[in-house]
Amino acid sequence: MFQRPLFQRLFANWVYGGALAALVLLALTPFLALSPGLTAIYLCLPVYMLHQYEEHDDDRFRRFVNAMMTGKGRGLTRADVFWINIAGVWALLTVTLWLAVTVSPGWGSIATWLLGLNGLIHIAQAMALRRYNPGLVTAVVLFLPMAAWLFVQIPATLLQQIAGFGIVLALHAAILVRATRQGPTVP
């Protein structure tokens, strides 16, 4: 089913639709009737979409990861990158906003950790490799300030903080496992 040309084009070009959607979501922000904390959670999705544009334009992230995986694992396919970002970012941030609005604003800690941990990983990787990695600029300029703002705006319980950190850590671990799985190397 996912081998059809339609899906292949979607896997290859999703990031461009996300970048345009980010601009629309940002333009709609003034019309929201949300508290400052919930608005901050809402803004995580368009901010993340802008980061994804820097990170994934021209397939930069996948090629970067796969070059680092040479001899260590199979690497990531375009379908992997699509599902990681659509399910692991867009859907996760959508569910996070729903939980924050309908259950407790503290569930916004998932968004806090998603942006904060990802930003720190980009910085740690840049320092370890002593070079730019795809997404580094927006991780520093957008993610870290946004995560700090969320941390201040969102009153989360210890359980919500632990759950948020655990979910985001599990997501990053799953990406690492997927990239290092054995099999023929993905170009």
N, C-alpha and C. Protein backbone atom coordinates (compact mmCIF):
# COMPACT_ATOMS: atom_id res chain seq x y z
N MET A 1 0.82 -1.20 0.00
CA MET A 1 0.00 0.00 0.00
C MET A 1 0.86 1.27 0.00
N PHE A 2 1.91 1.31 0.83
CA PHE A 2 2.73 2.51 0.94
C PHE A 2 3.81 2.57 -0.13
N GLN A 3 3.80 1.67 -1.08
CA GLN A 3 4.78 1.69 -2.16
C GLN A 3 4.29 2.48 -3.36
N ARG A 4 3.03 2.89 -3.36
CA ARG A 4 2.47 3.64 -4.48
C ARG A 4 3.17 4.99 -4.63
N PRO A 5 3.23 5.49 -5.88
CA PRO A 5 3.88 6.79 -6.11
C PRO A 5 3.30 7.92 -5.26
N LEU A 6 2.00 7.89 -5.01
CA LEU A 6 1.38 8.93 -4.18
C LEU A 6 2.03 8.99 -2.80
N PHE A 7 2.20 7.84 -2.18
CA PHE A 7 2.81 7.79 -0.85
C PHE A 7 4.29 8.15 -0.92
N GLN A 8 4.97 7.71 -1.96
CA GLN A 8 6.38 8.03 -2.10
C GLN A 8 6.59 9.55 -2.20
N ARG A 9 5.70 10.22 -2.96
CA ARG A 9 5.78 11.68 -3.06
C ARG A 9 5.47 12.34 -1.72
N LEU A 10 4.49 11.80 -1.01
CA LEU A 10 4.14 12.34 0.30
C LEU A 10 5.31 12.16 1.27
N PHE A 11 5.92 10.98 1.29
CA PHE A 11 7.08 10.73 2.15
C PHE A 11 8.24 11.66 1.82
N ALA A 12 8.39 12.01 0.55
CA ALA A 12 9.50 12.84 0.12
C ALA A 12 9.25 14.34 0.31
N ASN A 13 7.99 14.77 0.37
CA ASN A 13 7.68 16.20 0.33
C ASN A 13 6.82 16.73 1.48
N TRP A 14 6.56 15.93 2.49
CA TRP A 14 5.68 16.34 3.59
C TRP A 14 6.14 17.64 4.25
N VAL A 15 7.44 17.85 4.35
CA VAL A 15 7.98 18.99 5.10
C VAL A 15 7.55 20.33 4.49
N TYR A 16 7.34 20.37 3.19
CA TYR A 16 6.96 21.63 2.55
C TYR A 16 5.52 22.02 2.89
N GLY A 17 4.64 21.04 2.97
CA GLY A 17 3.27 21.32 3.42
C GLY A 17 3.26 21.77 4.87
N GLY A 18 4.13 21.18 5.68
CA GLY A 18 4.22 21.57 7.09
C GLY A 18 4.71 22.99 7.26
N ALA A 19 5.68 23.39 6.45
CA ALA A 19 6.20 24.76 6.55
C ALA A 19 5.11 25.77 6.21
N LEU A 20 4.33 25.49 5.18
CA LEU A 20 3.23 26.39 4.82
C LEU A 20 2.12 26.36 5.87
N ALA A 21 1.82 25.18 6.40
CA ALA A 21 0.81 25.07 7.46
C ALA A 21 1.24 25.84 8.70
N ALA A 22 2.53 25.85 8.98
CA ALA A 22 3.04 26.60 10.14
C ALA A 22 2.70 28.08 10.02
N LEU A 23 2.86 28.62 8.83
CA LEU A 23 2.55 30.03 8.62
C LEU A 23 1.06 30.32 8.83
N VAL A 24 0.21 29.40 8.37
CA VAL A 24 -1.23 29.56 8.58
C VAL A 24 -1.57 29.46 10.06
N LEU A 25 -1.01 28.48 10.76
CA LEU A 25 -1.28 28.33 12.19
C LEU A 25 -0.81 29.55 12.97
N LEU A 26 0.34 30.09 12.62
CA LEU A 26 0.83 31.30 13.27
C LEU A 26 -0.09 32.49 13.00
N ALA A 27 -0.58 32.60 11.76
CA ALA A 27 -1.47 33.71 11.41
C ALA A 27 -2.81 33.61 12.16
N LEU A 28 -3.23 32.41 12.52
CA LEU A 28 -4.49 32.22 13.24
C LEU A 28 -4.36 32.45 14.75
N THR A 29 -3.15 32.51 15.26
CA THR A 29 -2.92 32.63 16.70
C THR A 29 -3.67 33.78 17.36
N PRO A 30 -3.74 34.97 16.77
CA PRO A 30 -4.45 36.07 17.44
C PRO A 30 -5.95 35.80 17.65
N PHE A 31 -6.51 34.86 16.94
CA PHE A 31 -7.94 34.59 17.04
C PHE A 31 -8.27 33.49 18.05
N LEU A 32 -7.27 32.95 18.70
CA LEU A 32 -7.49 31.90 19.69
C LEU A 32 -8.01 32.51 20.99
N ALA A 33 -8.87 31.77 21.64
CA ALA A 33 -9.37 32.21 22.95
C ALA A 33 -8.79 31.28 24.01
N LEU A 34 -7.47 31.27 24.09
CA LEU A 34 -6.78 30.39 25.03
C LEU A 34 -5.99 31.23 26.03
N SER A 35 -5.71 30.63 27.16
CA SER A 35 -4.85 31.28 28.16
C SER A 35 -3.44 31.39 27.59
N PRO A 36 -2.59 32.22 28.20
CA PRO A 36 -1.20 32.29 27.71
C PRO A 36 -0.49 30.93 27.70
N GLY A 37 -0.71 30.12 28.72
CA GLY A 37 -0.08 28.81 28.78
C GLY A 37 -0.56 27.88 27.67
N LEU A 38 -1.87 27.85 27.43
CA LEU A 38 -2.41 27.00 26.37
C LEU A 38 -2.02 27.54 24.99
N THR A 39 -1.92 28.85 24.86
CA THR A 39 -1.44 29.43 23.60
C THR A 39 0.00 28.99 23.34
N ALA A 40 0.81 28.96 24.39
CA ALA A 40 2.19 28.50 24.25
C ALA A 40 2.23 27.05 23.75
N ILE A 41 1.36 26.21 24.29
CA ILE A 41 1.31 24.81 23.84
C ILE A 41 0.88 24.75 22.38
N TYR A 42 -0.13 25.53 22.01
CA TYR A 42 -0.60 25.59 20.63
C TYR A 42 0.55 25.98 19.69
N LEU A 43 1.33 26.97 20.09
CA LEU A 43 2.41 27.49 19.24
C LEU A 43 3.53 26.47 19.01
N CYS A 44 3.59 25.45 19.85
CA CYS A 44 4.64 24.43 19.67
C CYS A 44 4.56 23.75 18.31
N LEU A 45 3.35 23.51 17.81
CA LEU A 45 3.23 22.83 16.52
C LEU A 45 3.78 23.69 15.37
N PRO A 46 3.33 24.94 15.19
CA PRO A 46 3.94 25.70 14.09
C PRO A 46 5.43 25.96 14.29
N VAL A 47 5.86 26.15 15.52
CA VAL A 47 7.29 26.34 15.78
C VAL A 47 8.06 25.07 15.37
N TYR A 48 7.51 23.92 15.72
CA TYR A 48 8.17 22.66 15.36
C TYR A 48 8.18 22.48 13.84
N MET A 49 7.09 22.88 13.18
CA MET A 49 7.03 22.76 11.72
C MET A 49 8.11 23.62 11.04
N LEU A 50 8.36 24.80 11.59
CA LEU A 50 9.43 25.64 11.04
C LEU A 50 10.79 24.98 11.26
N HIS A 51 10.97 24.37 12.42
CA HIS A 51 12.21 23.62 12.70
C HIS A 51 12.35 22.47 11.72
N GLN A 52 11.25 21.77 11.46
CA GLN A 52 11.30 20.64 10.54
C GLN A 52 11.71 21.08 9.14
N TYR A 53 11.32 22.28 8.75
CA TYR A 53 11.73 22.78 7.43
C TYR A 53 13.25 22.91 7.38
N GLU A 54 13.84 23.54 8.40
CA GLU A 54 15.30 23.65 8.42
C GLU A 54 15.94 22.26 8.45
N GLU A 55 15.37 21.37 9.23
CA GLU A 55 15.96 20.06 9.46
C GLU A 55 15.83 19.12 8.25
N HIS A 56 14.66 19.15 7.60
CA HIS A 56 14.35 18.12 6.59
C HIS A 56 14.31 18.60 5.15
N ASP A 57 14.43 19.90 4.89
CA ASP A 57 14.47 20.38 3.51
C ASP A 57 15.58 19.65 2.77
N ASP A 58 15.29 19.23 1.55
CA ASP A 58 16.27 18.52 0.72
C ASP A 58 16.74 17.23 1.38
N ASP A 59 15.90 16.67 2.27
CA ASP A 59 16.19 15.37 2.90
C ASP A 59 17.47 15.41 3.74
N ARG A 60 17.81 16.63 4.25
CA ARG A 60 19.07 16.81 4.97
C ARG A 60 19.22 15.91 6.18
N PHE A 61 18.20 15.86 7.04
CA PHE A 61 18.32 15.10 8.29
C PHE A 61 18.55 13.61 8.02
N ARG A 62 17.74 13.03 7.13
CA ARG A 62 17.86 11.60 6.84
C ARG A 62 19.23 11.27 6.28
N ARG A 63 19.70 12.10 5.35
CA ARG A 63 21.02 11.86 4.77
C ARG A 63 22.12 12.02 5.81
N PHE A 64 21.97 13.00 6.72
CA PHE A 64 22.93 13.22 7.79
C PHE A 64 22.99 12.01 8.72
N VAL A 65 21.83 11.55 9.16
CA VAL A 65 21.77 10.39 10.06
C VAL A 65 22.33 9.15 9.36
N ASN A 66 21.92 8.92 8.13
CA ASN A 66 22.38 7.72 7.43
C ASN A 66 23.88 7.74 7.18
N ALA A 67 24.45 8.91 6.94
CA ALA A 67 25.90 9.01 6.77
C ALA A 67 26.60 8.65 8.07
N MET A 68 26.01 9.03 9.19
CA MET A 68 26.60 8.68 10.49
C MET A 68 26.41 7.20 10.83
N MET A 69 25.42 6.56 10.21
CA MET A 69 25.11 5.16 10.49
C MET A 69 25.96 4.19 9.67
N THR A 70 26.76 4.67 8.77
CA THR A 70 27.55 3.81 7.90
C THR A 70 28.25 2.73 8.72
N GLY A 71 27.88 1.50 8.44
CA GLY A 71 28.47 0.36 9.12
C GLY A 71 27.89 0.08 10.50
N LYS A 72 26.95 0.91 10.96
CA LYS A 72 26.39 0.74 12.31
C LYS A 72 24.94 0.29 12.28
N GLY A 73 24.30 0.38 11.15
CA GLY A 73 22.89 0.01 11.05
C GLY A 73 22.36 0.37 9.69
N ARG A 74 21.09 0.15 9.52
CA ARG A 74 20.45 0.34 8.22
C ARG A 74 20.23 1.80 7.89
N GLY A 75 19.92 2.63 8.87
CA GLY A 75 19.59 4.03 8.63
C GLY A 75 18.09 4.23 8.56
N LEU A 76 17.69 5.42 8.14
CA LEU A 76 16.28 5.78 8.07
C LEU A 76 15.83 5.87 6.62
N THR A 77 14.59 5.44 6.36
CA THR A 77 13.99 5.63 5.05
C THR A 77 13.19 6.93 5.07
N ARG A 78 12.76 7.36 3.91
CA ARG A 78 11.89 8.54 3.85
C ARG A 78 10.57 8.26 4.56
N ALA A 79 10.08 7.04 4.46
CA ALA A 79 8.84 6.68 5.17
C ALA A 79 9.06 6.76 6.68
N ASP A 80 10.22 6.31 7.17
CA ASP A 80 10.53 6.41 8.60
C ASP A 80 10.45 7.86 9.06
N VAL A 81 11.10 8.75 8.30
CA VAL A 81 11.14 10.17 8.67
C VAL A 81 9.73 10.76 8.65
N PHE A 82 8.93 10.40 7.67
CA PHE A 82 7.55 10.86 7.59
C PHE A 82 6.78 10.47 8.84
N TRP A 83 6.80 9.17 9.18
CA TRP A 83 6.02 8.69 10.33
C TRP A 83 6.55 9.23 11.65
N ILE A 84 7.85 9.36 11.77
CA ILE A 84 8.43 9.93 13.00
C ILE A 84 7.89 11.34 13.21
N ASN A 85 7.85 12.12 12.15
CA ASN A 85 7.44 13.52 12.28
C ASN A 85 5.93 13.72 12.31
N ILE A 86 5.19 12.94 11.56
CA ILE A 86 3.74 13.11 11.56
C ILE A 86 3.13 12.51 12.82
N ALA A 87 3.50 11.28 13.16
CA ALA A 87 2.95 10.66 14.37
C ALA A 87 3.68 11.12 15.63
N GLY A 88 5.00 11.20 15.55
CA GLY A 88 5.79 11.51 16.74
C GLY A 88 5.88 12.98 17.09
N VAL A 89 5.51 13.86 16.15
CA VAL A 89 5.53 15.30 16.45
C VAL A 89 4.14 15.91 16.26
N TRP A 90 3.63 15.90 15.03
CA TRP A 90 2.35 16.56 14.78
C TRP A 90 1.22 15.94 15.62
N ALA A 91 1.09 14.63 15.58
CA ALA A 91 0.01 13.98 16.34
C ALA A 91 0.26 14.12 17.85
N LEU A 92 1.52 13.94 18.27
CA LEU A 92 1.83 14.06 19.69
C LEU A 92 1.51 15.46 20.21
N LEU A 93 1.88 16.49 19.47
CA LEU A 93 1.59 17.86 19.92
C LEU A 93 0.09 18.17 19.87
N THR A 94 -0.62 17.58 18.92
CA THR A 94 -2.07 17.75 18.86
C THR A 94 -2.73 17.10 20.08
N VAL A 95 -2.34 15.88 20.40
CA VAL A 95 -2.88 15.19 21.57
C VAL A 95 -2.50 15.94 22.85
N THR A 96 -1.28 16.46 22.89
CA THR A 96 -0.84 17.24 24.06
C THR A 96 -1.74 18.45 24.28
N LEU A 97 -2.05 19.17 23.22
CA LEU A 97 -2.94 20.33 23.35
C LEU A 97 -4.32 19.91 23.81
N TRP A 98 -4.84 18.83 23.24
CA TRP A 98 -6.15 18.32 23.66
C TRP A 98 -6.13 17.96 25.15
N LEU A 99 -5.10 17.27 25.59
CA LEU A 99 -5.01 16.90 27.01
C LEU A 99 -4.91 18.14 27.90
N ALA A 100 -4.13 19.12 27.46
CA ALA A 100 -3.94 20.34 28.25
C ALA A 100 -5.23 21.13 28.36
N VAL A 101 -6.03 21.13 27.30
CA VAL A 101 -7.29 21.88 27.31
C VAL A 101 -8.38 21.12 28.05
N THR A 102 -8.47 19.81 27.84
CA THR A 102 -9.60 19.05 28.38
C THR A 102 -9.35 18.35 29.71
N VAL A 103 -8.09 18.04 30.03
CA VAL A 103 -7.79 17.31 31.26
C VAL A 103 -7.08 18.21 32.27
N SER A 104 -5.89 18.67 31.90
CA SER A 104 -5.10 19.52 32.78
C SER A 104 -4.00 20.21 31.97
N PRO A 105 -3.82 21.52 32.17
CA PRO A 105 -2.75 22.21 31.45
C PRO A 105 -1.37 21.58 31.69
N GLY A 106 -1.20 20.90 32.81
CA GLY A 106 0.08 20.28 33.14
C GLY A 106 0.55 19.27 32.11
N TRP A 107 -0.37 18.72 31.34
CA TRP A 107 0.03 17.77 30.29
C TRP A 107 0.79 18.47 29.17
N GLY A 108 0.80 19.79 29.19
CA GLY A 108 1.63 20.54 28.25
C GLY A 108 3.10 20.29 28.47
N SER A 109 3.45 19.66 29.61
CA SER A 109 4.86 19.32 29.85
C SER A 109 5.41 18.39 28.77
N ILE A 110 4.53 17.66 28.09
CA ILE A 110 4.98 16.82 26.97
C ILE A 110 5.60 17.71 25.90
N ALA A 111 4.93 18.82 25.59
CA ALA A 111 5.46 19.76 24.59
C ALA A 111 6.75 20.41 25.09
N THR A 112 6.78 20.74 26.38
CA THR A 112 7.98 21.35 26.96
C THR A 112 9.18 20.44 26.75
N TRP A 113 9.01 19.17 27.08
CA TRP A 113 10.11 18.22 26.95
C TRP A 113 10.44 17.92 25.49
N LEU A 114 9.41 17.88 24.63
CA LEU A 114 9.66 17.58 23.22
C LEU A 114 10.58 18.64 22.61
N LEU A 115 10.28 19.91 22.85
CA LEU A 115 11.11 20.97 22.31
C LEU A 115 12.43 21.09 23.07
N GLY A 116 12.36 21.05 24.38
CA GLY A 116 13.57 21.22 25.19
C GLY A 116 14.59 20.12 24.97
N LEU A 117 14.17 18.87 25.02
CA LEU A 117 15.11 17.77 24.85
C LEU A 117 15.66 17.73 23.43
N ASN A 118 14.80 17.98 22.45
CA ASN A 118 15.27 17.99 21.07
C ASN A 118 16.30 19.09 20.87
N GLY A 119 16.03 20.27 21.44
CA GLY A 119 16.99 21.37 21.34
C GLY A 119 18.33 21.02 21.96
N LEU A 120 18.28 20.41 23.14
CA LEU A 120 19.52 20.03 23.82
C LEU A 120 20.28 18.95 23.05
N ILE A 121 19.56 18.02 22.44
CA ILE A 121 20.20 16.97 21.64
C ILE A 121 20.92 17.58 20.44
N HIS A 122 20.27 18.55 19.77
CA HIS A 122 20.93 19.22 18.64
C HIS A 122 22.21 19.90 19.09
N ILE A 123 22.17 20.58 20.22
CA ILE A 123 23.36 21.28 20.72
C ILE A 123 24.45 20.29 21.10
N ALA A 124 24.08 19.23 21.82
CA ALA A 124 25.07 18.22 22.23
C ALA A 124 25.72 17.57 21.01
N GLN A 125 24.92 17.28 20.01
CA GLN A 125 25.45 16.66 18.80
C GLN A 125 26.39 17.62 18.07
N ALA A 126 26.03 18.89 17.99
CA ALA A 126 26.89 19.88 17.34
C ALA A 126 28.22 20.00 18.08
N MET A 127 28.16 19.99 19.41
CA MET A 127 29.40 20.08 20.19
C MET A 127 30.25 18.82 20.02
N ALA A 128 29.61 17.66 20.05
CA ALA A 128 30.36 16.41 19.92
C ALA A 128 31.01 16.27 18.54
N LEU A 129 30.28 16.67 17.50
CA LEU A 129 30.79 16.54 16.14
C LEU A 129 31.57 17.77 15.69
N ARG A 130 31.46 18.83 16.47
CA ARG A 130 32.10 20.11 16.15
C ARG A 130 31.68 20.61 14.78
N ARG A 131 30.37 20.52 14.52
CA ARG A 131 29.83 20.97 13.24
C ARG A 131 28.32 21.16 13.34
N TYR A 132 27.80 21.85 12.35
CA TYR A 132 26.36 22.06 12.21
C TYR A 132 25.67 20.73 11.97
N ASN A 133 24.47 20.58 12.51
CA ASN A 133 23.61 19.46 12.17
C ASN A 133 22.27 20.02 11.73
N PRO A 134 21.57 19.34 10.82
CA PRO A 134 20.30 19.87 10.31
C PRO A 134 19.30 20.13 11.44
N GLY A 135 18.86 21.38 11.55
CA GLY A 135 17.90 21.78 12.57
C GLY A 135 18.51 22.52 13.75
N LEU A 136 19.82 22.66 13.77
CA LEU A 136 20.50 23.27 14.92
C LEU A 136 20.07 24.72 15.17
N VAL A 137 19.97 25.51 14.13
CA VAL A 137 19.66 26.94 14.30
C VAL A 137 18.29 27.13 14.95
N THR A 138 17.27 26.48 14.41
CA THR A 138 15.93 26.64 14.99
C THR A 138 15.83 25.96 16.35
N ALA A 139 16.62 24.94 16.59
CA ALA A 139 16.63 24.32 17.93
C ALA A 139 17.11 25.32 18.97
N VAL A 140 18.13 26.09 18.62
CA VAL A 140 18.68 27.09 19.55
C VAL A 140 17.78 28.33 19.62
N VAL A 141 17.39 28.84 18.46
CA VAL A 141 16.67 30.11 18.40
C VAL A 141 15.19 29.97 18.79
N LEU A 142 14.57 28.83 18.46
CA LEU A 142 13.14 28.66 18.74
C LEU A 142 12.84 27.68 19.88
N PHE A 143 13.48 26.51 19.85
CA PHE A 143 13.11 25.47 20.81
C PHE A 143 13.46 25.82 22.26
N LEU A 144 14.68 26.23 22.48
CA LEU A 144 15.08 26.47 23.87
C LEU A 144 14.32 27.62 24.52
N PRO A 145 14.14 28.77 23.84
CA PRO A 145 13.30 29.81 24.45
C PRO A 145 11.85 29.37 24.64
N MET A 146 11.32 28.62 23.66
CA MET A 146 9.93 28.15 23.76
C MET A 146 9.78 27.18 24.92
N ALA A 147 10.72 26.27 25.08
CA ALA A 147 10.67 25.31 26.19
C ALA A 147 10.76 26.04 27.53
N ALA A 148 11.60 27.05 27.60
CA ALA A 148 11.71 27.84 28.85
C ALA A 148 10.39 28.56 29.13
N TRP A 149 9.78 29.14 28.09
CA TRP A 149 8.50 29.82 28.26
C TRP A 149 7.43 28.84 28.73
N LEU A 150 7.39 27.66 28.12
CA LEU A 150 6.43 26.64 28.53
C LEU A 150 6.64 26.23 29.98
N PHE A 151 7.89 26.05 30.35
CA PHE A 151 8.19 25.63 31.72
C PHE A 151 7.64 26.64 32.73
N VAL A 152 7.74 27.92 32.40
CA VAL A 152 7.23 28.98 33.28
C VAL A 152 5.71 29.07 33.22
N GLN A 153 5.13 28.90 32.04
CA GLN A 153 3.69 29.09 31.84
C GLN A 153 2.82 27.91 32.26
N ILE A 154 3.38 26.70 32.23
CA ILE A 154 2.58 25.50 32.45
C ILE A 154 2.86 24.91 33.83
N PRO A 155 1.88 25.01 34.73
CA PRO A 155 2.07 24.38 36.04
C PRO A 155 1.83 22.87 35.92
N ALA A 156 2.89 22.09 35.98
CA ALA A 156 2.78 20.64 35.83
C ALA A 156 3.20 19.95 37.12
N THR A 157 2.50 18.87 37.43
CA THR A 157 2.85 18.08 38.60
C THR A 157 4.11 17.28 38.30
N LEU A 158 4.70 16.72 39.32
CA LEU A 158 5.88 15.87 39.12
C LEU A 158 5.54 14.69 38.22
N LEU A 159 4.36 14.10 38.41
CA LEU A 159 3.93 12.98 37.57
C LEU A 159 3.84 13.42 36.10
N GLN A 160 3.27 14.59 35.85
CA GLN A 160 3.16 15.07 34.47
C GLN A 160 4.53 15.36 33.87
N GLN A 161 5.44 15.91 34.66
CA GLN A 161 6.80 16.15 34.18
C GLN A 161 7.51 14.84 33.84
N ILE A 162 7.37 13.86 34.74
CA ILE A 162 8.01 12.55 34.50
C ILE A 162 7.41 11.88 33.28
N ALA A 163 6.08 11.95 33.16
CA ALA A 163 5.41 11.35 32.00
C ALA A 163 5.85 12.05 30.71
N GLY A 164 5.89 13.37 30.73
CA GLY A 164 6.31 14.12 29.55
C GLY A 164 7.72 13.76 29.14
N PHE A 165 8.63 13.76 30.10
CA PHE A 165 10.02 13.40 29.82
C PHE A 165 10.11 11.96 29.31
N GLY A 166 9.38 11.04 29.95
CA GLY A 166 9.42 9.63 29.55
C GLY A 166 8.90 9.41 28.14
N ILE A 167 7.81 10.07 27.78
CA ILE A 167 7.25 9.94 26.43
C ILE A 167 8.25 10.43 25.39
N VAL A 168 8.84 11.58 25.64
CA VAL A 168 9.78 12.16 24.68
C VAL A 168 11.07 11.33 24.60
N LEU A 169 11.55 10.86 25.73
CA LEU A 169 12.73 10.00 25.74
C LEU A 169 12.47 8.70 24.97
N ALA A 170 11.29 8.12 25.18
CA ALA A 170 10.92 6.89 24.46
C ALA A 170 10.85 7.13 22.95
N LEU A 171 10.33 8.27 22.56
CA LEU A 171 10.26 8.62 21.13
C LEU A 171 11.65 8.72 20.53
N HIS A 172 12.56 9.40 21.21
CA HIS A 172 13.93 9.53 20.70
C HIS A 172 14.65 8.17 20.70
N ALA A 173 14.39 7.34 21.69
CA ALA A 173 14.99 6.00 21.74
C ALA A 173 14.48 5.16 20.57
N ALA A 174 13.18 5.28 20.26
CA ALA A 174 12.61 4.52 19.15
C ALA A 174 13.25 4.94 17.82
N ILE A 175 13.53 6.22 17.67
CA ILE A 175 14.19 6.71 16.46
C ILE A 175 15.59 6.10 16.35
N LEU A 176 16.31 6.09 17.45
CA LEU A 176 17.65 5.53 17.47
C LEU A 176 17.63 4.03 17.15
N VAL A 177 16.69 3.32 17.73
CA VAL A 177 16.55 1.88 17.45
C VAL A 177 16.23 1.66 15.98
N ARG A 178 15.32 2.47 15.44
CA ARG A 178 14.93 2.33 14.04
C ARG A 178 16.13 2.59 13.11
N ALA A 179 16.90 3.62 13.43
CA ALA A 179 18.05 3.97 12.58
C ALA A 179 19.16 2.94 12.65
N THR A 180 19.31 2.28 13.79
CA THR A 180 20.42 1.34 13.95
C THR A 180 20.03 -0.11 13.72
N ARG A 181 18.81 -0.36 13.28
CA ARG A 181 18.39 -1.73 13.01
C ARG A 181 19.25 -2.34 11.92
N GLN A 182 19.37 -3.61 11.92
CA GLN A 182 20.19 -4.30 10.94
C GLN A 182 19.44 -4.52 9.65
N GLY A 183 20.14 -4.63 8.58
CA GLY A 183 19.54 -4.83 7.28
C GLY A 183 20.35 -4.10 6.23
N PRO A 184 19.89 -4.15 4.97
CA PRO A 184 20.63 -3.44 3.93
C PRO A 184 20.58 -1.93 4.17
N THR A 185 21.69 -1.27 3.96
CA THR A 185 21.79 0.16 4.20
C THR A 185 20.85 0.92 3.26
N VAL A 186 20.17 1.92 3.83
CA VAL A 186 19.27 2.77 3.06
C VAL A 186 20.09 3.91 2.48
N PRO A 187 19.93 4.20 1.19
CA PRO A 187 20.71 5.29 0.58
C PRO A 187 20.30 6.65 1.12
